[in-house]
Every structure is written in C-alpha cells, then in structure tokens.
Amino acid sequence: MFNLDPFSRGVAITEILILLAFAALVGYLLAQLSTNGRIRELRAALDEQENALEECHRKRRAIASVVIPPAPKTGEKVVSEEESMFRKIASRASELNFTRIGYSTLSEADDLKEIVGVGPFFERKLHTLGIFSFRQLANFTTEDVEKVSDIIEFFPDRIEREDWVGQAKQLYQEKYGRAVK
C-alpha cells in the first residue's frame, strides 16, 4: 500500500520515533494515574486527621461546659470565688501540650484521688484542665508538671515530691495490665 522499505534509514527512524512517542505517552498516563491515586490517599488521610482534630476540640468544649458552669449573663447572680477560680484554670488549659500527654474525656476518667496527694478539690482542678486519666499524668514531663503547678496554683514541688507521675504509671499498670505508651 505505502510501499515502504523497512530497511531504509528514513523508515527505521520514523518507526523508532513513533515507538518512543508511544512509550512516552504510556509513561505519562501511568504517572498520572499513580499520582492521582496518591493524591486521593493523602487527601483522605488529611480529612481523617482534620475530623479527629475537630472531634478532640468538640470533646474539649463538651468537657469545659460540663466541668465549668457558664459565665453569668447580665442581671444574673455573681459567681462564687470557687467558680471564678475554675474558669480561670479552664481558660489556661490550652497551655498544656495535649498532643504529648494525650486526650481523655470525663467518660474515660480514672479516679485520680487514688494518687496520694490528690483529693476531690485537686481532682476537680485537674478535670477542669482536661486531665482525667492516669495515662495523661503518667505522660507528664517536668515542663508539664511545672505548667500544671502554675496553672492550678499549686506548691511547685508537691507533684514531684509526691511522685504523681510515678504513682499514675503504677496505677495505670495495675488497672490496665500494661505499661503506659
């Protein structure tokens, strides 16, 4: 039909160029498919992380509304000193590194009063900050201990002296049968 000699130099070069163009097109299409799939995976992972973060924020707001009564509106009675103190503590909860110590909710709360040195009043202060579990206390660093002592206006060395972190690790181990991660 075209009467092309496959052994001629011009025809051979043309065939090679057509094959290279075809290979490039196939490579481009495969790369697009692969990249689009990876982008979808990353977007899905990002959406999942954003949903988890929003859930944490929602839980923190729910905890704050349960533990701390809302501020009085104009014309309502003035709040007590204790309520005012708890509001002040709650307003500083964001200073703690919950990413490191972990999140917990009131429904997951351990009885922090089992720790020697933590009574009902200090347990409520810790709950106001969002500290509900032995696991969270067990993950405290020296920086966290200092920050919590400052926020709840506690004797600076009492948490360390009474070894709340060590006690929390031991109580977690006893209650859940595994070491804190």
Protein backbone atom coordinates (compact mmCIF):
# COMPACT_ATOMS: atom_id res chain seq x y z
CA MET A 1 0.00 0.00 0.00
CA PHE A 2 2.62 2.58 1.05
CA ASN A 3 5.44 0.61 -0.45
CA LEU A 4 7.83 1.42 2.45
CA ASP A 5 11.11 -0.42 2.72
CA PRO A 6 11.53 -1.40 6.41
CA PHE A 7 15.30 -1.49 5.97
CA SER A 8 15.62 2.08 4.72
CA ARG A 9 17.11 4.57 7.14
CA GLY A 10 14.20 7.06 6.99
CA VAL A 11 11.55 4.43 7.68
CA ALA A 12 13.54 2.96 10.58
CA ILE A 13 13.98 6.40 12.20
CA THR A 14 10.28 7.13 11.78
CA GLU A 15 9.36 3.80 13.41
CA ILE A 16 11.70 4.46 16.34
CA LEU A 17 10.27 7.96 16.85
CA ILE A 18 6.72 6.60 16.78
CA LEU A 19 7.64 3.90 19.33
CA LEU A 20 9.35 6.48 21.59
CA ALA A 21 6.32 8.77 21.38
CA PHE A 22 4.03 5.85 22.23
CA ALA A 23 6.26 4.83 25.18
CA ALA A 24 6.30 8.44 26.43
CA LEU A 25 2.51 8.65 26.20
CA VAL A 26 2.06 5.37 28.09
CA GLY A 27 4.56 6.53 30.75
CA TYR A 28 2.77 9.85 31.12
CA LEU A 29 -0.62 8.17 31.51
CA LEU A 30 0.72 5.70 34.12
CA ALA A 31 2.36 8.55 36.05
CA GLN A 32 -0.92 10.49 36.04
CA LEU A 33 -2.87 7.50 37.32
CA SER A 34 -0.33 6.81 40.04
CA THR A 35 -0.08 10.46 41.12
CA ASN A 36 -3.85 10.93 41.19
CA GLY A 37 -4.24 7.82 43.32
CA ARG A 38 -1.61 9.03 45.79
CA ILE A 39 -3.19 12.48 45.94
CA ARG A 40 -6.57 10.90 46.74
CA GLU A 41 -4.93 8.83 49.50
CA LEU A 42 -3.25 11.89 51.01
CA ARG A 43 -6.46 13.92 50.85
CA ALA A 44 -8.36 11.12 52.56
CA ALA A 45 -5.69 10.89 55.28
CA LEU A 46 -5.77 14.67 55.75
CA ASP A 47 -9.58 14.65 56.01
CA GLU A 48 -9.35 11.87 58.60
CA GLN A 49 -6.83 13.85 60.66
CA GLU A 50 -8.93 17.02 60.43
CA ASN A 51 -12.01 15.08 61.58
CA ALA A 52 -10.05 13.61 64.50
CA LEU A 53 -8.81 17.08 65.48
CA GLU A 54 -12.33 18.52 65.27
CA GLU A 55 -13.58 15.64 67.43
CA CYS A 56 -10.91 16.46 70.04
CA HIS A 57 -11.93 20.11 70.00
CA ARG A 58 -15.60 19.12 70.32
CA LYS A 59 -14.79 16.88 73.30
CA ARG A 60 -12.77 19.65 74.97
CA ARG A 61 -15.66 22.08 74.55
CA ALA A 62 -18.07 19.48 75.95
CA ILE A 63 -15.77 18.82 78.91
CA ALA A 64 -15.39 22.51 79.64
CA SER A 65 -19.15 23.00 79.57
CA VAL A 66 -19.70 20.07 81.96
CA VAL A 67 -16.90 20.87 84.41
CA ILE A 68 -17.16 24.66 84.32
CA PRO A 69 -20.51 26.36 84.68
CA PRO A 70 -21.08 29.09 82.07
CA ALA A 71 -20.35 32.70 82.96
CA PRO A 72 -23.35 34.56 84.34
CA LYS A 73 -25.29 36.78 81.99
CA THR A 74 -26.09 40.37 82.77
CA GLY A 75 -28.50 40.55 85.66
CA GLU A 76 -27.70 37.08 86.99
CA LYS A 77 -26.09 36.48 90.36
CA VAL A 78 -22.35 36.88 90.68
CA VAL A 79 -20.32 33.68 90.57
CA SER A 80 -18.60 32.36 93.65
CA GLU A 81 -14.85 32.64 94.16
CA GLU A 82 -14.52 28.92 93.52
CA GLU A 83 -16.37 29.10 90.20
CA SER A 84 -14.26 32.08 89.20
CA MET A 85 -11.09 30.13 90.04
CA PHE A 86 -12.23 27.15 87.93
CA ARG A 87 -12.99 29.44 84.99
CA LYS A 88 -9.52 30.93 85.29
CA ILE A 89 -7.97 27.44 85.29
CA ALA A 90 -10.07 26.34 82.30
CA SER A 91 -9.02 29.42 80.34
CA ARG A 92 -5.37 28.30 80.60
CA ALA A 93 -5.92 24.65 79.61
CA SER A 94 -4.68 25.38 76.09
CA GLU A 95 -1.20 26.00 77.53
CA LEU A 96 -0.78 22.24 78.08
CA ASN A 97 0.64 20.01 75.34
CA PHE A 98 -2.21 17.51 74.95
CA THR A 99 -0.59 16.13 71.83
CA ARG A 100 2.16 14.74 74.06
CA ILE A 101 0.22 13.86 77.22
CA GLY A 102 -2.87 12.61 75.39
CA TYR A 103 -6.53 13.44 75.35
CA SER A 104 -9.14 11.93 77.61
CA THR A 105 -12.77 12.61 78.45
CA LEU A 106 -14.89 12.58 81.56
CA SER A 107 -16.42 9.28 80.44
CA GLU A 108 -12.89 7.74 80.32
CA ALA A 109 -11.84 9.24 83.65
CA ASP A 110 -9.85 7.31 86.21
CA ASP A 111 -10.27 8.05 89.92
CA LEU A 112 -7.35 10.45 90.29
CA LYS A 113 -7.98 10.56 94.04
CA GLU A 114 -6.22 7.16 94.19
CA ILE A 115 -2.98 9.13 93.77
CA VAL A 116 -1.60 10.11 97.15
CA GLY A 117 -1.87 13.89 97.40
CA VAL A 118 -4.84 14.28 95.04
CA GLY A 119 -8.07 14.98 96.85
CA PRO A 120 -11.50 15.87 95.46
CA PHE A 121 -10.62 19.55 95.08
CA PHE A 122 -7.41 18.93 93.14
CA GLU A 123 -9.09 16.24 91.08
CA ARG A 124 -11.70 18.79 90.02
CA LYS A 125 -8.93 21.26 89.14
CA LEU A 126 -7.24 18.61 87.00
CA HIS A 127 -10.55 17.77 85.34
CA THR A 128 -11.05 21.46 84.60
CA LEU A 129 -7.74 21.36 82.72
CA GLY A 130 -8.79 18.27 80.77
CA ILE A 131 -6.67 15.84 82.82
CA PHE A 132 -8.88 12.82 83.52
CA SER A 133 -6.70 9.72 83.34
CA PHE A 134 -3.68 8.05 84.89
CA ARG A 135 -2.27 7.75 81.36
CA GLN A 136 -2.24 11.52 80.93
CA LEU A 137 -0.50 12.10 84.27
CA ALA A 138 1.97 9.29 83.53
CA ASN A 139 2.97 11.08 80.31
CA PHE A 140 3.84 14.32 82.13
CA THR A 141 7.30 15.76 81.65
CA THR A 142 8.99 18.17 84.06
CA GLU A 143 7.70 21.01 81.89
CA ASP A 144 4.12 19.70 82.21
CA VAL A 145 4.47 19.38 85.99
CA GLU A 146 5.69 22.98 86.24
CA LYS A 147 2.94 24.25 83.93
CA VAL A 148 0.16 22.43 85.82
CA SER A 149 1.55 23.60 89.18
CA ASP A 150 1.50 27.18 87.88
CA ILE A 151 -1.99 26.95 86.38
CA ILE A 152 -3.71 25.35 89.38
CA GLU A 153 -1.64 27.48 91.76
CA PHE A 154 -0.16 24.51 93.49
CA PHE A 155 3.02 24.16 95.53
CA PRO A 156 5.63 23.84 92.77
CA ASP A 157 7.43 20.80 94.15
CA ARG A 158 4.43 18.93 95.55
CA ILE A 159 3.61 17.00 92.35
CA GLU A 160 7.23 15.85 92.11
CA ARG A 161 7.65 15.30 95.86
CA GLU A 162 4.54 13.09 95.99
CA ASP A 163 5.57 11.47 92.67
CA TRP A 164 2.20 11.81 90.97
CA VAL A 165 3.74 10.75 87.66
CA GLY A 166 5.24 7.56 89.13
CA GLN A 167 2.05 6.79 91.02
CA ALA A 168 -0.01 7.33 87.86
CA LYS A 169 2.24 4.94 85.91
CA GLN A 170 1.87 2.29 88.60
CA LEU A 171 -1.92 2.74 88.89
CA TYR A 172 -2.28 2.58 85.11
CA GLN A 173 -0.23 -0.64 85.04
CA GLU A 174 -2.37 -2.17 87.81
CA LYS A 175 -5.69 -1.11 86.25
CA TYR A 176 -4.98 -1.87 82.57
CA GLY A 177 -2.31 -4.57 82.87
CA ARG A 178 0.19 -2.80 80.61
CA ALA A 179 2.73 -0.02 80.80
CA VAL A 180 1.89 3.48 79.60
CA LYS A 181 2.94 4.02 76.00
